[in-house]
């Protein structure tokens, strides 16, 4: 096992997925209302979406890739949307478009 030198950042920070990702992951991990399917859907979405552009990721595609029924994916997408993890954009035909919410998971200061 190799260790990082003092000025070398972990890989996720070197590829631009640092502090924001840690905040999002921490918030998702401690949310007791999210289950394993919700987290798997989120992980899949992070491989397809970004924080700036609305992109189409068909729920049927997610269901097939994750080996789940479309109903499970629909429920998870609704949950992730209601919690502000993803943002729905204008529909393209009958299909929804999504992007990750860059403000999700940010810590708020009290006082």
C-alpha atoms as a PDB file:
ATOM      1  CA  UNK A   1       0.000   0.000   0.000  1.00  0.00           C
ATOM      2  CA  UNK A   2       1.396   3.372  -0.965  1.00  0.00           C
ATOM      3  CA  UNK A   3       0.806   6.565   0.942  1.00  0.00           C
ATOM      4  CA  UNK A   4       0.247  10.005  -0.498  1.00  0.00           C
ATOM      5  CA  UNK A   5       3.005  12.534  -0.336  1.00  0.00           C
ATOM      6  CA  UNK A   6       2.219  15.634   1.671  1.00  0.00           C
ATOM      7  CA  UNK A   7       1.150  17.718  -1.348  1.00  0.00           C
ATOM      8  CA  UNK A   8      -0.494  14.927  -3.378  1.00  0.00           C
ATOM      9  CA  UNK A   9      -4.296  14.850  -3.268  1.00  0.00           C
ATOM     10  CA  UNK A  10      -6.469  11.721  -3.281  1.00  0.00           C
ATOM     11  CA  UNK A  11      -7.598  10.621  -6.762  1.00  0.00           C
ATOM     12  CA  UNK A  12     -11.166  11.863  -6.324  1.00  0.00           C
ATOM     13  CA  UNK A  13      -9.854  15.364  -5.621  1.00  0.00           C
ATOM     14  CA  UNK A  14      -7.398  15.278  -8.528  1.00  0.00           C
ATOM     15  CA  UNK A  15     -10.244  14.573 -10.952  1.00  0.00           C
ATOM     16  CA  UNK A  16     -12.368  17.454  -9.634  1.00  0.00           C
ATOM     17  CA  UNK A  17     -14.728  15.421  -7.454  1.00  0.00           C
ATOM     18  CA  UNK A  18     -13.492  16.459  -4.045  1.00  0.00           C
ATOM     19  CA  UNK A  19     -15.182  18.482  -1.324  1.00  0.00           C
ATOM     20  CA  UNK A  20     -18.548  18.634  -3.062  1.00  0.00           C
ATOM     21  CA  UNK A  21     -18.635  14.853  -3.472  1.00  0.00           C
ATOM     22  CA  UNK A  22     -17.700  14.257   0.150  1.00  0.00           C
ATOM     23  CA  UNK A  23     -20.504  16.559   1.321  1.00  0.00           C
ATOM     24  CA  UNK A  24     -23.043  14.827  -0.918  1.00  0.00           C
ATOM     25  CA  UNK A  25     -21.899  11.322   0.038  1.00  0.00           C
ATOM     26  CA  UNK A  26     -21.903  12.135   3.754  1.00  0.00           C
ATOM     27  CA  UNK A  27     -25.424  13.579   3.585  1.00  0.00           C
ATOM     28  CA  UNK A  28     -26.724  10.587   1.621  1.00  0.00           C
ATOM     29  CA  UNK A  29     -25.038   8.078   3.933  1.00  0.00           C
ATOM     30  CA  UNK A  30     -26.684   9.454   7.072  1.00  0.00           C
ATOM     31  CA  UNK A  31     -30.157   9.875   5.550  1.00  0.00           C
ATOM     32  CA  UNK A  32     -32.174   7.061   7.117  1.00  0.00           C
ATOM     33  CA  UNK A  33     -35.028   7.515   4.620  1.00  0.00           C
ATOM     34  CA  UNK A  34     -32.857   6.340   1.717  1.00  0.00           C
ATOM     35  CA  UNK A  35     -32.388   2.624   1.114  1.00  0.00           C
ATOM     36  CA  UNK A  36     -29.904   0.587  -0.874  1.00  0.00           C
ATOM     37  CA  UNK A  37     -31.781   0.914  -4.159  1.00  0.00           C
ATOM     38  CA  UNK A  38     -31.886   4.704  -3.782  1.00  0.00           C
ATOM     39  CA  UNK A  39     -28.143   4.801  -3.197  1.00  0.00           C
ATOM     40  CA  UNK A  40     -27.437   2.485  -6.147  1.00  0.00           C
ATOM     41  CA  UNK A  41     -29.588   4.702  -8.390  1.00  0.00           C
ATOM     42  CA  UNK A  42     -27.662   7.747  -7.147  1.00  0.00           C
ATOM     43  CA  UNK A  43     -24.332   6.062  -7.856  1.00  0.00           C
ATOM     44  CA  UNK A  44     -25.464   5.165 -11.367  1.00  0.00           C
ATOM     45  CA  UNK A  45     -26.685   8.716 -11.954  1.00  0.00           C
ATOM     46  CA  UNK A  46     -23.309  10.128 -10.929  1.00  0.00           C
ATOM     47  CA  UNK A  47     -21.777   8.146 -13.787  1.00  0.00           C
ATOM     48  CA  UNK A  48     -24.198   9.760 -16.265  1.00  0.00           C
ATOM     49  CA  UNK A  49     -25.032  13.262 -15.003  1.00  0.00           C
ATOM     50  CA  UNK A  50     -23.154  16.373 -14.029  1.00  0.00           C
ATOM     51  CA  UNK A  51     -23.892  19.571 -12.092  1.00  0.00           C
ATOM     52  CA  UNK A  52     -24.397  21.922 -15.060  1.00  0.00           C
ATOM     53  CA  UNK A  53     -26.261  20.161 -17.867  1.00  0.00           C
ATOM     54  CA  UNK A  54     -29.647  18.500 -17.940  1.00  0.00           C
ATOM     55  CA  UNK A  55     -29.224  15.043 -19.450  1.00  0.00           C
ATOM     56  CA  UNK A  56     -31.602  12.235 -20.245  1.00  0.00           C
ATOM     57  CA  UNK A  57     -31.140   8.964 -18.381  1.00  0.00           C
ATOM     58  CA  UNK A  58     -34.117   6.684 -19.101  1.00  0.00           C
ATOM     59  CA  UNK A  59     -35.467   4.895 -16.034  1.00  0.00           C
ATOM     60  CA  UNK A  60     -35.771   1.701 -18.050  1.00  0.00           C
ATOM     61  CA  UNK A  61     -32.025   1.877 -18.754  1.00  0.00           C
ATOM     62  CA  UNK A  62     -31.281   2.309 -15.046  1.00  0.00           C
ATOM     63  CA  UNK A  63     -33.599  -0.590 -14.181  1.00  0.00           C
ATOM     64  CA  UNK A  64     -31.928  -2.906 -16.688  1.00  0.00           C
ATOM     65  CA  UNK A  65     -28.392  -1.989 -15.635  1.00  0.00           C
ATOM     66  CA  UNK A  66     -29.160  -2.349 -11.917  1.00  0.00           C
ATOM     67  CA  UNK A  67     -31.299  -5.460 -12.333  1.00  0.00           C
ATOM     68  CA  UNK A  68     -34.351  -3.858 -10.734  1.00  0.00           C
ATOM     69  CA  UNK A  69     -37.925  -3.215 -11.826  1.00  0.00           C
ATOM     70  CA  UNK A  70     -38.789   0.167 -13.329  1.00  0.00           C
ATOM     71  CA  UNK A  71     -41.185   0.813 -10.431  1.00  0.00           C
ATOM     72  CA  UNK A  72     -38.253   0.654  -7.994  1.00  0.00           C
ATOM     73  CA  UNK A  73     -36.303   3.137 -10.094  1.00  0.00           C
ATOM     74  CA  UNK A  74     -39.293   5.498 -10.379  1.00  0.00           C
ATOM     75  CA  UNK A  75     -39.714   5.443  -6.603  1.00  0.00           C
ATOM     76  CA  UNK A  76     -35.994   6.104  -6.058  1.00  0.00           C
ATOM     77  CA  UNK A  77     -35.938   8.939  -8.595  1.00  0.00           C
ATOM     78  CA  UNK A  78     -38.951  10.553  -6.903  1.00  0.00           C
ATOM     79  CA  UNK A  79     -37.226  10.232  -3.524  1.00  0.00           C
ATOM     80  CA  UNK A  80     -33.951  11.683  -4.807  1.00  0.00           C
ATOM     81  CA  UNK A  81     -35.851  14.553  -6.434  1.00  0.00           C
ATOM     82  CA  UNK A  82     -37.913  15.310  -3.309  1.00  0.00           C
ATOM     83  CA  UNK A  83     -34.730  15.413  -1.218  1.00  0.00           C
ATOM     84  CA  UNK A  84     -33.070  17.769  -3.690  1.00  0.00           C
ATOM     85  CA  UNK A  85     -30.317  15.353  -4.720  1.00  0.00           C
ATOM     86  CA  UNK A  86     -31.265  15.661  -8.397  1.00  0.00           C
ATOM     87  CA  UNK A  87     -33.067  18.420 -10.263  1.00  0.00           C
ATOM     88  CA  UNK A  88     -35.598  17.666 -12.975  1.00  0.00           C
ATOM     89  CA  UNK A  89     -35.460  19.795 -16.090  1.00  0.00           C
ATOM     90  CA  UNK A  90     -38.042  20.344 -18.807  1.00  0.00           C
ATOM     91  CA  UNK A  91     -39.273  17.140 -20.400  1.00  0.00           C
ATOM     92  CA  UNK A  92     -37.998  16.193 -23.827  1.00  0.00           C
ATOM     93  CA  UNK A  93     -41.055  14.604 -25.398  1.00  0.00           C
ATOM     94  CA  UNK A  94     -42.202  12.140 -22.768  1.00  0.00           C
ATOM     95  CA  UNK A  95     -38.760  11.766 -21.191  1.00  0.00           C
ATOM     96  CA  UNK A  96     -37.484  13.577 -18.131  1.00  0.00           C
ATOM     97  CA  UNK A  97     -34.058  15.163 -18.038  1.00  0.00           C
ATOM     98  CA  UNK A  98     -31.986  15.479 -14.883  1.00  0.00           C
ATOM     99  CA  UNK A  99     -28.892  17.010 -13.388  1.00  0.00           C
ATOM    100  CA  UNK A 100     -27.167  16.639 -10.047  1.00  0.00           C
ATOM    101  CA  UNK A 101     -27.903  19.420  -7.560  1.00  0.00           C
ATOM    102  CA  UNK A 102     -24.617  21.203  -6.777  1.00  0.00           C
ATOM    103  CA  UNK A 103     -26.127  22.627  -3.572  1.00  0.00           C
ATOM    104  CA  UNK A 104     -27.243  19.316  -2.092  1.00  0.00           C
ATOM    105  CA  UNK A 105     -25.357  18.333   1.023  1.00  0.00           C
ATOM    106  CA  UNK A 106     -23.891  21.724   1.778  1.00  0.00           C
ATOM    107  CA  UNK A 107     -23.632  22.301   5.464  1.00  0.00           C
ATOM    108  CA  UNK A 108     -25.578  25.225   6.795  1.00  0.00           C
ATOM    109  CA  UNK A 109     -24.246  27.448   9.518  1.00  0.00           C
ATOM    110  CA  UNK A 110     -26.395  27.948  12.567  1.00  0.00           C
ATOM    111  CA  UNK A 111     -26.404  31.286  14.285  1.00  0.00           C
END
